[in-house]
Amino acid sequence: MSYPKPWKSYADQLDQLMARGMFVTDRELALDYLERIGYYRLSGYWFAFRERSEPACMLDTEGKKPEKVRVERMALDAFRRGATFQNAVDLYVFDKKLRLLAMDALERIEVALRVDVSHALGKLDPFAYLTPELFDEKFSRRLDKGSGLSGHHEWLTKHAQLIGRSKEEFVRHNRTRYGLPLAIWVACEVWDFGTLSTLFSGMRVEEQDAIAGQYGVSNGRIFAGWLRSLNYLRNVCAHHSRLWNRNIIDQPKLPPVSEVPWVAPFEADAHARARCFLLLKIARHLLAVVNPRSSWPERMKAHLLAFPDLAHLELNLAGMGAPPDWEAEW
């Protein structure tokens, strides 16, 4: 299969953008950004600046109108009037700072939850993570049809890899002095967020609910979904991917409004539930327990208020799922 798009110099890339209607105030500066950031990465930010086609009904594979009509507006090559190269750079810089702030909160949450999980399971057995009977049966006994392994078995494989690759002094010390396996309160320090959230999802209801209850959420399965979504957020940030208007694939379920009042604006808003602002609110909720004196909420709020002025392109914080009165509820 031949690839139809030819290689272009940075100057040619910029000329193409200008030909499509993007305004460039400083050509040399724009070329510098293309060289340092790259056309493809920046295109994720100016994609929102592109004109859209008229709404069209999408037909099914047989060319018939489906029962559920799906109307789409395709992105065109031309940019909206007033779109500038600097607008894209400003949005890119905003998104970069957004990811850094998100990672700051996630690091604190991850460390605290390692303690929560290892303390709860360690009370049952110092090596509880090796014992299938201490986990939910779906996690410990149900076999995957493809691999033939249980979720617990697959988790142990990942855990063993993390222990084997670790260069940490505390791992070497414990292996030398006490041998393997490592006690859970030692082993948990090598877990990444994904390993942590997977193990929590496999815990029994009573242990899940006990930990979730510490954070004001009575249902541990909802809390497990929160951790999966935060792990997704962590991966987006760690891989320097666009975040501000990204569609969240693994969307978290919401607890009752009577339990967590701030979820109210998200209940009937499918768009807001599919954007990152909800995940930032979850991080804000957890951080209030993990570190109630943290300045993170104020720093994040200040950053959100500094969203680039893109009103001429009809872009604002609503694109990342923020309700109209989000400042008052933050």
C-alpha atoms as a PDB file:
ATOM      1  CA  MET A   1       0.000   0.000   0.000  1.00  0.00           C
ATOM      2  CA  SER A   2       1.566   3.273  -1.092  1.00  0.00           C
ATOM      3  CA  TYR A   3       1.610   6.283   1.237  1.00  0.00           C
ATOM      4  CA  PRO A   4       0.166   9.313  -0.569  1.00  0.00           C
ATOM      5  CA  LYS A   5       1.628  12.154   1.524  1.00  0.00           C
ATOM      6  CA  PRO A   6       5.106  13.351   0.492  1.00  0.00           C
ATOM      7  CA  TRP A   7       7.840  14.620   2.803  1.00  0.00           C
ATOM      8  CA  LYS A   8       7.736  18.401   3.206  1.00  0.00           C
ATOM      9  CA  SER A   9      10.320  20.847   4.464  1.00  0.00           C
ATOM     10  CA  TYR A  10       9.392  23.021   7.449  1.00  0.00           C
ATOM     11  CA  ALA A  11       8.937  25.969   5.093  1.00  0.00           C
ATOM     12  CA  ASP A  12       6.617  23.917   2.870  1.00  0.00           C
ATOM     13  CA  GLN A  13       4.638  22.786   5.910  1.00  0.00           C
ATOM     14  CA  LEU A  14       4.134  26.407   6.970  1.00  0.00           C
ATOM     15  CA  ASP A  15       3.206  27.467   3.454  1.00  0.00           C
ATOM     16  CA  GLN A  16       0.573  24.742   3.359  1.00  0.00           C
ATOM     17  CA  LEU A  17      -0.945  25.981   6.606  1.00  0.00           C
ATOM     18  CA  MET A  18      -1.029  29.553   5.307  1.00  0.00           C
ATOM     19  CA  ALA A  19      -2.598  28.422   2.035  1.00  0.00           C
ATOM     20  CA  ARG A  20      -5.370  26.823   4.072  1.00  0.00           C
ATOM     21  CA  GLY A  21      -6.126  30.062   5.859  1.00  0.00           C
ATOM     22  CA  MET A  22      -3.943  30.033   8.964  1.00  0.00           C
ATOM     23  CA  PHE A  23      -2.539  33.467   9.798  1.00  0.00           C
ATOM     24  CA  VAL A  24       1.165  33.630  10.678  1.00  0.00           C
ATOM     25  CA  THR A  25       2.464  36.816  12.289  1.00  0.00           C
ATOM     26  CA  ASP A  26       6.116  35.732  12.678  1.00  0.00           C
ATOM     27  CA  ARG A  27       7.321  33.301  10.043  1.00  0.00           C
ATOM     28  CA  GLU A  28      10.735  32.629  11.627  1.00  0.00           C
ATOM     29  CA  LEU A  29       9.192  31.925  15.020  1.00  0.00           C
ATOM     30  CA  ALA A  30       6.592  29.628  13.472  1.00  0.00           C
ATOM     31  CA  LEU A  31       9.344  27.698  11.658  1.00  0.00           C
ATOM     32  CA  ASP A  32      11.209  27.378  14.950  1.00  0.00           C
ATOM     33  CA  TYR A  33       8.144  25.854  16.600  1.00  0.00           C
ATOM     34  CA  LEU A  34       7.682  23.403  13.726  1.00  0.00           C
ATOM     35  CA  GLU A  35      11.310  22.313  14.103  1.00  0.00           C
ATOM     36  CA  ARG A  36      11.127  21.867  17.884  1.00  0.00           C
ATOM     37  CA  ILE A  37       7.583  20.581  18.404  1.00  0.00           C
ATOM     38  CA  GLY A  38       6.696  19.098  15.041  1.00  0.00           C
ATOM     39  CA  TYR A  39       3.851  19.554  12.579  1.00  0.00           C
ATOM     40  CA  TYR A  40       2.044  16.377  13.576  1.00  0.00           C
ATOM     41  CA  ARG A  41       1.990  17.126  17.318  1.00  0.00           C
ATOM     42  CA  LEU A  42       0.816  20.697  16.757  1.00  0.00           C
ATOM     43  CA  SER A  43      -1.841  19.493  14.332  1.00  0.00           C
ATOM     44  CA  GLY A  44      -3.664  17.930  17.283  1.00  0.00           C
ATOM     45  CA  TYR A  45      -4.221  21.454  18.593  1.00  0.00           C
ATOM     46  CA  TRP A  46      -5.096  23.286  15.383  1.00  0.00           C
ATOM     47  CA  PHE A  47      -7.477  20.479  14.403  1.00  0.00           C
ATOM     48  CA  ALA A  48     -10.107  22.305  16.478  1.00  0.00           C
ATOM     49  CA  PHE A  49      -9.521  25.406  14.327  1.00  0.00           C
ATOM     50  CA  ARG A  50     -10.564  23.711  11.071  1.00  0.00           C
ATOM     51  CA  GLU A  51     -13.799  24.411   9.259  1.00  0.00           C
ATOM     52  CA  ARG A  52     -16.474  21.726   9.400  1.00  0.00           C
ATOM     53  CA  SER A  53     -18.709  20.379   6.670  1.00  0.00           C
ATOM     54  CA  GLU A  54     -22.475  20.644   6.754  1.00  0.00           C
ATOM     55  CA  PRO A  55     -24.099  17.992   8.988  1.00  0.00           C
ATOM     56  CA  ALA A  56     -24.478  14.680   7.193  1.00  0.00           C
ATOM     57  CA  CYS A  57     -26.311  11.506   8.154  1.00  0.00           C
ATOM     58  CA  MET A  58     -23.903   8.557   8.245  1.00  0.00           C
ATOM     59  CA  LEU A  59     -25.266   5.476   6.445  1.00  0.00           C
ATOM     60  CA  ASP A  60     -24.636   1.899   7.505  1.00  0.00           C
ATOM     61  CA  THR A  61     -22.359  -0.508   5.625  1.00  0.00           C
ATOM     62  CA  GLU A  62     -25.151  -1.344   3.175  1.00  0.00           C
ATOM     63  CA  GLY A  63     -25.813   2.302   2.374  1.00  0.00           C
ATOM     64  CA  LYS A  64     -29.054   2.395   4.332  1.00  0.00           C
ATOM     65  CA  LYS A  65     -30.121   4.910   6.948  1.00  0.00           C
ATOM     66  CA  PRO A  66     -29.585   3.253  10.371  1.00  0.00           C
ATOM     67  CA  GLU A  67     -32.260   3.124  13.065  1.00  0.00           C
ATOM     68  CA  LYS A  68     -30.155   5.436  15.233  1.00  0.00           C
ATOM     69  CA  VAL A  69     -29.172   8.391  13.108  1.00  0.00           C
ATOM     70  CA  ARG A  70     -25.554   9.469  13.556  1.00  0.00           C
ATOM     71  CA  VAL A  71     -24.921  12.953  12.214  1.00  0.00           C
ATOM     72  CA  GLU A  72     -21.332  14.019  11.659  1.00  0.00           C
ATOM     73  CA  ARG A  73     -19.569  17.147  10.486  1.00  0.00           C
ATOM     74  CA  MET A  74     -16.284  16.335   8.801  1.00  0.00           C
ATOM     75  CA  ALA A  75     -13.183  18.454   9.396  1.00  0.00           C
ATOM     76  CA  LEU A  76     -12.150  20.326   6.245  1.00  0.00           C
ATOM     77  CA  ASP A  77      -8.638  21.430   5.274  1.00  0.00           C
ATOM     78  CA  ALA A  78      -9.484  25.131   5.527  1.00  0.00           C
ATOM     79  CA  PHE A  79      -9.129  26.950   8.840  1.00  0.00           C
ATOM     80  CA  ARG A  80     -11.762  29.142  10.465  1.00  0.00           C
ATOM     81  CA  ARG A  81     -11.447  32.865   9.992  1.00  0.00           C
ATOM     82  CA  GLY A  82      -9.042  34.353  12.541  1.00  0.00           C
ATOM     83  CA  ALA A  83      -7.109  31.149  13.285  1.00  0.00           C
ATOM     84  CA  THR A  84      -3.432  31.859  13.895  1.00  0.00           C
ATOM     85  CA  PHE A  85      -0.356  29.735  14.315  1.00  0.00           C
ATOM     86  CA  GLN A  86       0.206  31.356  17.703  1.00  0.00           C
ATOM     87  CA  ASN A  87      -3.267  30.215  18.806  1.00  0.00           C
ATOM     88  CA  ALA A  88      -2.147  26.616  18.296  1.00  0.00           C
ATOM     89  CA  VAL A  89       1.103  27.205  20.180  1.00  0.00           C
ATOM     90  CA  ASP A  90      -0.747  28.862  23.069  1.00  0.00           C
ATOM     91  CA  LEU A  91      -3.122  25.908  23.298  1.00  0.00           C
ATOM     92  CA  TYR A  92      -0.177  23.500  23.169  1.00  0.00           C
ATOM     93  CA  VAL A  93       1.575  25.327  26.035  1.00  0.00           C
ATOM     94  CA  PHE A  94      -1.650  25.389  28.076  1.00  0.00           C
ATOM     95  CA  ASP A  95      -2.052  21.646  27.555  1.00  0.00           C
ATOM     96  CA  LYS A  96       1.555  20.943  28.517  1.00  0.00           C
ATOM     97  CA  LYS A  97       1.140  22.777  31.842  1.00  0.00           C
ATOM     98  CA  LEU A  98      -2.202  21.024  32.359  1.00  0.00           C
ATOM     99  CA  ARG A  99      -0.505  17.620  32.071  1.00  0.00           C
ATOM    100  CA  LEU A 100       2.274  18.612  34.464  1.00  0.00           C
ATOM    101  CA  LEU A 101      -0.237  19.772  37.058  1.00  0.00           C
ATOM    102  CA  ALA A 102      -2.287  16.604  36.629  1.00  0.00           C
ATOM    103  CA  MET A 103       0.827  14.468  37.156  1.00  0.00           C
ATOM    104  CA  ASP A 104       1.612  16.392  40.330  1.00  0.00           C
ATOM    105  CA  ALA A 105      -1.732  15.371  41.834  1.00  0.00           C
ATOM    106  CA  LEU A 106      -1.601  11.823  40.475  1.00  0.00           C
ATOM    107  CA  GLU A 107       1.812  11.190  42.044  1.00  0.00           C
ATOM    108  CA  ARG A 108       0.468  12.043  45.503  1.00  0.00           C
ATOM    109  CA  ILE A 109      -2.701  10.002  44.981  1.00  0.00           C
ATOM    110  CA  GLU A 110      -0.754   6.980  43.736  1.00  0.00           C
ATOM    111  CA  VAL A 111       1.603   6.979  46.727  1.00  0.00           C
ATOM    112  CA  ALA A 112      -1.285   7.271  49.193  1.00  0.00           C
ATOM    113  CA  LEU A 113      -3.267   4.481  47.554  1.00  0.00           C
ATOM    114  CA  ARG A 114      -0.256   2.167  47.617  1.00  0.00           C
ATOM    115  CA  VAL A 115      -0.300   2.583  51.388  1.00  0.00           C
ATOM    116  CA  ASP A 116      -4.081   2.066  51.565  1.00  0.00           C
ATOM    117  CA  VAL A 117      -4.001  -1.161  49.550  1.00  0.00           C
ATOM    118  CA  SER A 118      -0.859  -2.649  51.093  1.00  0.00           C
ATOM    119  CA  HIS A 119      -2.054  -1.820  54.616  1.00  0.00           C
ATOM    120  CA  ALA A 120      -5.497  -3.378  54.078  1.00  0.00           C
ATOM    121  CA  LEU A 121      -4.169  -6.542  52.430  1.00  0.00           C
ATOM    122  CA  GLY A 122      -1.094  -6.758  54.677  1.00  0.00           C
ATOM    123  CA  LYS A 123      -3.376  -6.971  57.694  1.00  0.00           C
ATOM    124  CA  LEU A 124      -4.764 -10.197  56.201  1.00  0.00           C
ATOM    125  CA  ASP A 125      -1.376 -11.627  55.252  1.00  0.00           C
ATOM    126  CA  PRO A 126       2.069 -10.049  54.650  1.00  0.00           C
ATOM    127  CA  PHE A 127       2.064 -11.860  51.290  1.00  0.00           C
ATOM    128  CA  ALA A 128      -1.639 -11.425  50.570  1.00  0.00           C
ATOM    129  CA  TYR A 129      -1.030 -10.568  46.918  1.00  0.00           C
ATOM    130  CA  LEU A 130       0.043 -14.191  46.345  1.00  0.00           C
ATOM    131  CA  THR A 131      -3.134 -15.700  47.819  1.00  0.00           C
ATOM    132  CA  PRO A 132      -6.065 -16.084  45.380  1.00  0.00           C
ATOM    133  CA  GLU A 133      -8.542 -16.691  48.216  1.00  0.00           C
ATOM    134  CA  LEU A 134      -8.029 -13.131  49.446  1.00  0.00           C
ATOM    135  CA  PHE A 135      -9.379 -11.665  46.184  1.00  0.00           C
ATOM    136  CA  ASP A 136     -12.682 -11.588  44.339  1.00  0.00           C
ATOM    137  CA  GLU A 137     -13.402 -14.856  42.524  1.00  0.00           C
ATOM    138  CA  LYS A 138     -13.786 -13.128  39.159  1.00  0.00           C
ATOM    139  CA  PHE A 139     -10.219 -11.874  39.520  1.00  0.00           C
ATOM    140  CA  SER A 140      -8.677 -14.972  41.071  1.00  0.00           C
ATOM    141  CA  ARG A 141     -10.491 -17.857  39.354  1.00  0.00           C
ATOM    142  CA  ARG A 142     -12.197 -16.754  36.117  1.00  0.00           C
ATOM    143  CA  LEU A 143      -9.931 -17.661  33.194  1.00  0.00           C
ATOM    144  CA  ASP A 144      -9.430 -15.501  30.133  1.00  0.00           C
ATOM    145  CA  LYS A 145     -10.564 -17.404  27.036  1.00  0.00           C
ATOM    146  CA  GLY A 146      -7.545 -16.225  25.062  1.00  0.00           C
ATOM    147  CA  SER A 147      -4.680 -16.678  27.509  1.00  0.00           C
ATOM    148  CA  GLY A 148      -6.207 -19.315  29.793  1.00  0.00           C
ATOM    149  CA  LEU A 149      -5.007 -17.290  32.772  1.00  0.00           C
ATOM    150  CA  SER A 150      -6.875 -15.599  35.577  1.00  0.00           C
ATOM    151  CA  GLY A 151      -6.624 -11.852  36.096  1.00  0.00           C
ATOM    152  CA  HIS A 152      -4.679 -12.556  39.273  1.00  0.00           C
ATOM    153  CA  HIS A 153      -2.193 -14.745  37.418  1.00  0.00           C
ATOM    154  CA  GLU A 154      -1.657 -12.035  34.799  1.00  0.00           C
ATOM    155  CA  TRP A 155      -1.247  -9.438  37.550  1.00  0.00           C
ATOM    156  CA  LEU A 156       1.382 -11.619  39.285  1.00  0.00           C
ATOM    157  CA  THR A 157       3.296 -11.880  36.004  1.00  0.00           C
ATOM    158  CA  LYS A 158       3.399  -8.074  35.723  1.00  0.00           C
ATOM    159  CA  HIS A 159       4.317  -7.771  39.400  1.00  0.00           C
ATOM    160  CA  ALA A 160       7.209 -10.219  39.004  1.00  0.00           C
ATOM    161  CA  GLN A 161       8.516  -8.226  36.029  1.00  0.00           C
ATOM    162  CA  LEU A 162       8.472  -5.022  38.068  1.00  0.00           C
ATOM    163  CA  ILE A 163      10.365  -6.689  40.919  1.00  0.00           C
ATOM    164  CA  GLY A 164      12.858  -8.263  38.515  1.00  0.00           C
ATOM    165  CA  ARG A 165      13.589  -4.989  36.709  1.00  0.00           C
ATOM    166  CA  SER A 166      13.804  -2.846  39.830  1.00  0.00           C
ATOM    167  CA  LYS A 167      17.170  -1.279  40.669  1.00  0.00           C
ATOM    168  CA  GLU A 168      15.914   0.204  43.926  1.00  0.00           C
ATOM    169  CA  GLU A 169      18.167  -0.266  46.952  1.00  0.00           C
ATOM    170  CA  PHE A 170      15.256  -1.274  49.202  1.00  0.00           C
ATOM    171  CA  VAL A 171      14.412  -4.148  46.835  1.00  0.00           C
ATOM    172  CA  ARG A 172      18.022  -5.372  46.815  1.00  0.00           C
ATOM    173  CA  HIS A 173      18.220  -5.087  50.602  1.00  0.00           C
ATOM    174  CA  ASN A 174      15.016  -7.029  51.236  1.00  0.00           C
ATOM    175  CA  ARG A 175      15.886  -9.717  48.713  1.00  0.00           C
ATOM    176  CA  THR A 176      19.332 -10.165  50.262  1.00  0.00           C
ATOM    177  CA  ARG A 177      18.217 -10.131  53.888  1.00  0.00           C
ATOM    178  CA  TYR A 178      14.791 -11.774  53.760  1.00  0.00           C
ATOM    179  CA  GLY A 179      14.618 -13.356  50.307  1.00  0.00           C
ATOM    180  CA  LEU A 180      11.567 -13.552  48.087  1.00  0.00           C
ATOM    181  CA  PRO A 181       8.657 -12.946  48.092  1.00  0.00           C
ATOM    182  CA  LEU A 182       8.679  -9.386  49.357  1.00  0.00           C
ATOM    183  CA  ALA A 183       6.141  -8.352  51.963  1.00  0.00           C
ATOM    184  CA  ILE A 184       3.311  -6.395  50.365  1.00  0.00           C
ATOM    185  CA  TRP A 185       4.232  -3.142  52.132  1.00  0.00           C
ATOM    186  CA  VAL A 186       7.659  -3.397  50.450  1.00  0.00           C
ATOM    187  CA  ALA A 187       6.513  -4.777  47.094  1.00  0.00           C
ATOM    188  CA  CYS A 188       3.888  -2.060  46.620  1.00  0.00           C
ATOM    189  CA  GLU A 189       6.645   0.543  46.173  1.00  0.00           C
ATOM    190  CA  VAL A 190       7.499  -0.842  42.716  1.00  0.00           C
ATOM    191  CA  TRP A 191       3.885  -0.797  41.451  1.00  0.00           C
ATOM    192  CA  ASP A 192       2.902   1.711  38.821  1.00  0.00           C
ATOM    193  CA  PHE A 193      -0.594   3.203  38.763  1.00  0.00           C
ATOM    194  CA  GLY A 194      -1.872   0.543  36.380  1.00  0.00           C
ATOM    195  CA  THR A 195      -0.633  -2.313  38.564  1.00  0.00           C
ATOM    196  CA  LEU A 196      -2.145  -0.656  41.613  1.00  0.00           C
ATOM    197  CA  SER A 197      -5.547  -0.007  40.014  1.00  0.00           C
ATOM    198  CA  THR A 198      -5.742  -3.546  38.599  1.00  0.00           C
ATOM    199  CA  LEU A 199      -5.084  -5.099  41.996  1.00  0.00           C
ATOM    200  CA  PHE A 200      -7.680  -2.841  43.626  1.00  0.00           C
ATOM    201  CA  SER A 201     -10.237  -3.904  41.003  1.00  0.00           C
ATOM    202  CA  GLY A 202      -9.567  -7.521  41.961  1.00  0.00           C
ATOM    203  CA  MET A 203      -9.996  -7.039  45.709  1.00  0.00           C
ATOM    204  CA  ARG A 204     -12.988  -8.340  47.628  1.00  0.00           C
ATOM    205  CA  VAL A 205     -15.984  -6.100  48.185  1.00  0.00           C
ATOM    206  CA  GLU A 206     -15.331  -5.574  51.880  1.00  0.00           C
ATOM    207  CA  GLU A 207     -11.745  -4.380  51.363  1.00  0.00           C
ATOM    208  CA  GLN A 208     -12.707  -2.248  48.372  1.00  0.00           C
ATOM    209  CA  ASP A 209     -15.540  -0.566  50.243  1.00  0.00           C
ATOM    210  CA  ALA A 210     -13.387   0.079  53.290  1.00  0.00           C
ATOM    211  CA  ILE A 211     -10.747   1.924  51.252  1.00  0.00           C
ATOM    212  CA  ALA A 212     -13.288   3.774  49.086  1.00  0.00           C
ATOM    213  CA  GLY A 213     -15.111   4.865  52.233  1.00  0.00           C
ATOM    214  CA  GLN A 214     -12.013   6.706  53.393  1.00  0.00           C
ATOM    215  CA  TYR A 215     -12.509   8.955  50.349  1.00  0.00           C
ATOM    216  CA  GLY A 216     -16.228   9.511  50.818  1.00  0.00           C
ATOM    217  CA  VAL A 217     -17.343   6.923  48.243  1.00  0.00           C
ATOM    218  CA  SER A 218     -19.307   3.989  49.660  1.00  0.00           C
ATOM    219  CA  ASN A 219     -19.181   1.789  46.549  1.00  0.00           C
ATOM    220  CA  GLY A 220     -15.746   0.275  45.998  1.00  0.00           C
ATOM    221  CA  ARG A 221     -16.585  -0.759  42.420  1.00  0.00           C
ATOM    222  CA  ILE A 222     -17.238   2.874  41.499  1.00  0.00           C
ATOM    223  CA  PHE A 223     -13.983   3.777  43.212  1.00  0.00           C
ATOM    224  CA  ALA A 224     -12.185   1.073  41.206  1.00  0.00           C
ATOM    225  CA  GLY A 225     -13.506   2.725  38.043  1.00  0.00           C
ATOM    226  CA  TRP A 226     -12.152   6.052  39.266  1.00  0.00           C
ATOM    227  CA  LEU A 227      -8.706   4.511  39.629  1.00  0.00           C
ATOM    228  CA  ARG A 228      -8.840   3.001  36.133  1.00  0.00           C
ATOM    229  CA  SER A 229      -9.755   6.391  34.689  1.00  0.00           C
ATOM    230  CA  LEU A 230      -6.980   8.114  36.637  1.00  0.00           C
ATOM    231  CA  ASN A 231      -4.553   5.518  35.321  1.00  0.00           C
ATOM    232  CA  TYR A 232      -5.689   6.442  31.802  1.00  0.00           C
ATOM    233  CA  LEU A 233      -5.112  10.099  32.666  1.00  0.00           C
ATOM    234  CA  ARG A 234      -1.675   9.249  34.018  1.00  0.00           C
ATOM    235  CA  ASN A 235      -0.734   7.419  30.794  1.00  0.00           C
ATOM    236  CA  VAL A 236      -1.886  10.325  28.624  1.00  0.00           C
ATOM    237  CA  CYS A 237       0.225  12.729  30.683  1.00  0.00           C
ATOM    238  CA  ALA A 238       3.270  10.448  30.887  1.00  0.00           C
ATOM    239  CA  HIS A 239       3.348  10.009  27.110  1.00  0.00           C
ATOM    240  CA  HIS A 240       2.985  13.777  26.492  1.00  0.00           C
ATOM    241  CA  SER A 241      -0.261  13.263  24.599  1.00  0.00           C
ATOM    242  CA  ARG A 242      -2.899  15.934  24.024  1.00  0.00           C
ATOM    243  CA  LEU A 243      -5.227  16.132  27.017  1.00  0.00           C
ATOM    244  CA  TRP A 244      -7.415  19.251  27.068  1.00  0.00           C
ATOM    245  CA  ASN A 245     -10.219  18.027  24.749  1.00  0.00           C
ATOM    246  CA  ARG A 246      -9.359  14.329  24.546  1.00  0.00           C
ATOM    247  CA  ASN A 247     -12.238  11.860  24.520  1.00  0.00           C
ATOM    248  CA  ILE A 248     -11.962   9.689  27.643  1.00  0.00           C
ATOM    249  CA  ILE A 249     -12.501   6.089  26.576  1.00  0.00           C
ATOM    250  CA  ASP A 250     -12.851   4.432  30.005  1.00  0.00           C
ATOM    251  CA  GLN A 251     -15.321   6.849  31.554  1.00  0.00           C
ATOM    252  CA  PRO A 252     -15.781   6.624  35.334  1.00  0.00           C
ATOM    253  CA  LYS A 253     -19.169   5.940  36.879  1.00  0.00           C
ATOM    254  CA  LEU A 254     -20.572   8.539  39.233  1.00  0.00           C
ATOM    255  CA  PRO A 255     -21.587   8.003  42.850  1.00  0.00           C
ATOM    256  CA  PRO A 256     -24.976   9.346  44.019  1.00  0.00           C
ATOM    257  CA  VAL A 257     -25.274  13.126  44.268  1.00  0.00           C
ATOM    258  CA  SER A 258     -26.411  12.668  47.865  1.00  0.00           C
ATOM    259  CA  GLU A 259     -22.993  11.179  48.588  1.00  0.00           C
ATOM    260  CA  VAL A 260     -20.768  13.333  46.374  1.00  0.00           C
ATOM    261  CA  PRO A 261     -22.682  16.541  45.514  1.00  0.00           C
ATOM    262  CA  TRP A 262     -20.178  17.875  42.974  1.00  0.00           C
ATOM    263  CA  VAL A 263     -21.078  15.139  40.445  1.00  0.00           C
ATOM    264  CA  ALA A 264     -24.492  16.726  39.796  1.00  0.00           C
ATOM    265  CA  PRO A 265     -23.541  18.718  36.626  1.00  0.00           C
ATOM    266  CA  PHE A 266     -22.064  15.602  35.034  1.00  0.00           C
ATOM    267  CA  GLU A 267     -25.027  13.255  35.450  1.00  0.00           C
ATOM    268  CA  ALA A 268     -27.009  14.436  32.423  1.00  0.00           C
ATOM    269  CA  ASP A 269     -24.064  15.729  30.371  1.00  0.00           C
ATOM    270  CA  ALA A 270     -22.559  12.987  28.198  1.00  0.00           C
ATOM    271  CA  HIS A 271     -19.994  15.394  26.738  1.00  0.00           C
ATOM    272  CA  ALA A 272     -18.707  16.406  30.180  1.00  0.00           C
ATOM    273  CA  ARG A 273     -18.424  12.763  31.282  1.00  0.00           C
ATOM    274  CA  ALA A 274     -16.243  12.077  28.250  1.00  0.00           C
ATOM    275  CA  ARG A 275     -13.715  14.872  28.871  1.00  0.00           C
ATOM    276  CA  CYS A 276     -10.787  15.331  31.220  1.00  0.00           C
ATOM    277  CA  PHE A 277     -12.329  17.949  33.519  1.00  0.00           C
ATOM    278  CA  LEU A 278     -14.260  15.184  35.288  1.00  0.00           C
ATOM    279  CA  LEU A 279     -10.983  13.355  35.948  1.00  0.00           C
ATOM    280  CA  LEU A 280      -9.448  16.536  37.317  1.00  0.00           C
ATOM    281  CA  LYS A 281     -12.436  16.838  39.661  1.00  0.00           C
ATOM    282  CA  ILE A 282     -11.890  13.253  40.810  1.00  0.00           C
ATOM    283  CA  ALA A 283      -8.228  14.050  41.472  1.00  0.00           C
ATOM    284  CA  ARG A 284      -9.337  17.163  43.367  1.00  0.00           C
ATOM    285  CA  HIS A 285     -11.728  15.028  45.440  1.00  0.00           C
ATOM    286  CA  LEU A 286      -9.078  12.450  46.348  1.00  0.00           C
ATOM    287  CA  LEU A 287      -6.404  15.028  47.043  1.00  0.00           C
ATOM    288  CA  ALA A 288      -8.662  16.684  49.609  1.00  0.00           C
ATOM    289  CA  VAL A 289      -8.211  13.490  51.659  1.00  0.00           C
ATOM    290  CA  VAL A 290      -4.616  12.663  50.714  1.00  0.00           C
ATOM    291  CA  ASN A 291      -3.258  16.164  51.315  1.00  0.00           C
ATOM    292  CA  PRO A 292      -5.941  18.653  52.403  1.00  0.00           C
ATOM    293  CA  ARG A 293      -3.376  21.458  52.808  1.00  0.00           C
ATOM    294  CA  SER A 294      -2.034  21.103  49.264  1.00  0.00           C
ATOM    295  CA  SER A 295      -1.925  24.202  47.085  1.00  0.00           C
ATOM    296  CA  TRP A 296      -2.711  22.051  44.032  1.00  0.00           C
ATOM    297  CA  PRO A 297      -6.412  23.020  43.787  1.00  0.00           C
ATOM    298  CA  GLU A 298      -5.545  26.718  43.714  1.00  0.00           C
ATOM    299  CA  ARG A 299      -2.742  26.176  41.189  1.00  0.00           C
ATOM    300  CA  MET A 300      -4.970  24.113  38.916  1.00  0.00           C
ATOM    301  CA  LYS A 301      -7.805  26.641  39.161  1.00  0.00           C
ATOM    302  CA  ALA A 302      -5.433  29.491  38.277  1.00  0.00           C
ATOM    303  CA  HIS A 303      -4.184  27.541  35.275  1.00  0.00           C
ATOM    304  CA  LEU A 304      -7.690  26.768  34.026  1.00  0.00           C
ATOM    305  CA  LEU A 305      -8.598  30.434  34.307  1.00  0.00           C
ATOM    306  CA  ALA A 306      -5.564  31.170  32.128  1.00  0.00           C
ATOM    307  CA  PHE A 307      -7.024  29.226  29.184  1.00  0.00           C
ATOM    308  CA  PRO A 308      -5.994  30.994  25.956  1.00  0.00           C
ATOM    309  CA  ASP A 309      -8.400  33.545  24.528  1.00  0.00           C
ATOM    310  CA  LEU A 310      -9.854  31.533  21.658  1.00  0.00           C
ATOM    311  CA  ALA A 311     -13.375  32.927  21.692  1.00  0.00           C
ATOM    312  CA  HIS A 312     -13.017  33.897  18.030  1.00  0.00           C
ATOM    313  CA  LEU A 313     -12.700  30.154  17.317  1.00  0.00           C
ATOM    314  CA  GLU A 314     -15.563  29.260  19.674  1.00  0.00           C
ATOM    315  CA  LEU A 315     -13.179  27.369  21.974  1.00  0.00           C
ATOM    316  CA  ASN A 316     -13.212  27.519  25.768  1.00  0.00           C
ATOM    317  CA  LEU A 317     -13.081  25.300  28.833  1.00  0.00           C
ATOM    318  CA  ALA A 318     -16.366  23.670  27.822  1.00  0.00           C
ATOM    319  CA  GLY A 319     -14.251  21.742  25.308  1.00  0.00           C
ATOM    320  CA  MET A 320     -12.635  19.892  28.190  1.00  0.00           C
ATOM    321  CA  GLY A 321     -15.958  19.302  29.950  1.00  0.00           C
ATOM    322  CA  ALA A 322     -16.006  22.151  32.472  1.00  0.00           C
ATOM    323  CA  PRO A 323     -19.545  23.185  33.514  1.00  0.00           C
ATOM    324  CA  PRO A 324     -20.431  26.889  33.092  1.00  0.00           C
ATOM    325  CA  ASP A 325     -20.085  27.622  36.833  1.00  0.00           C
ATOM    326  CA  TRP A 326     -17.104  25.367  37.473  1.00  0.00           C
ATOM    327  CA  GLU A 327     -15.147  28.034  39.424  1.00  0.00           C
ATOM    328  CA  ALA A 328     -17.763  28.201  42.175  1.00  0.00           C
ATOM    329  CA  GLU A 329     -17.834  24.411  42.586  1.00  0.00           C
ATOM    330  CA  TRP A 330     -14.085  23.794  42.227  1.00  0.00           C
END
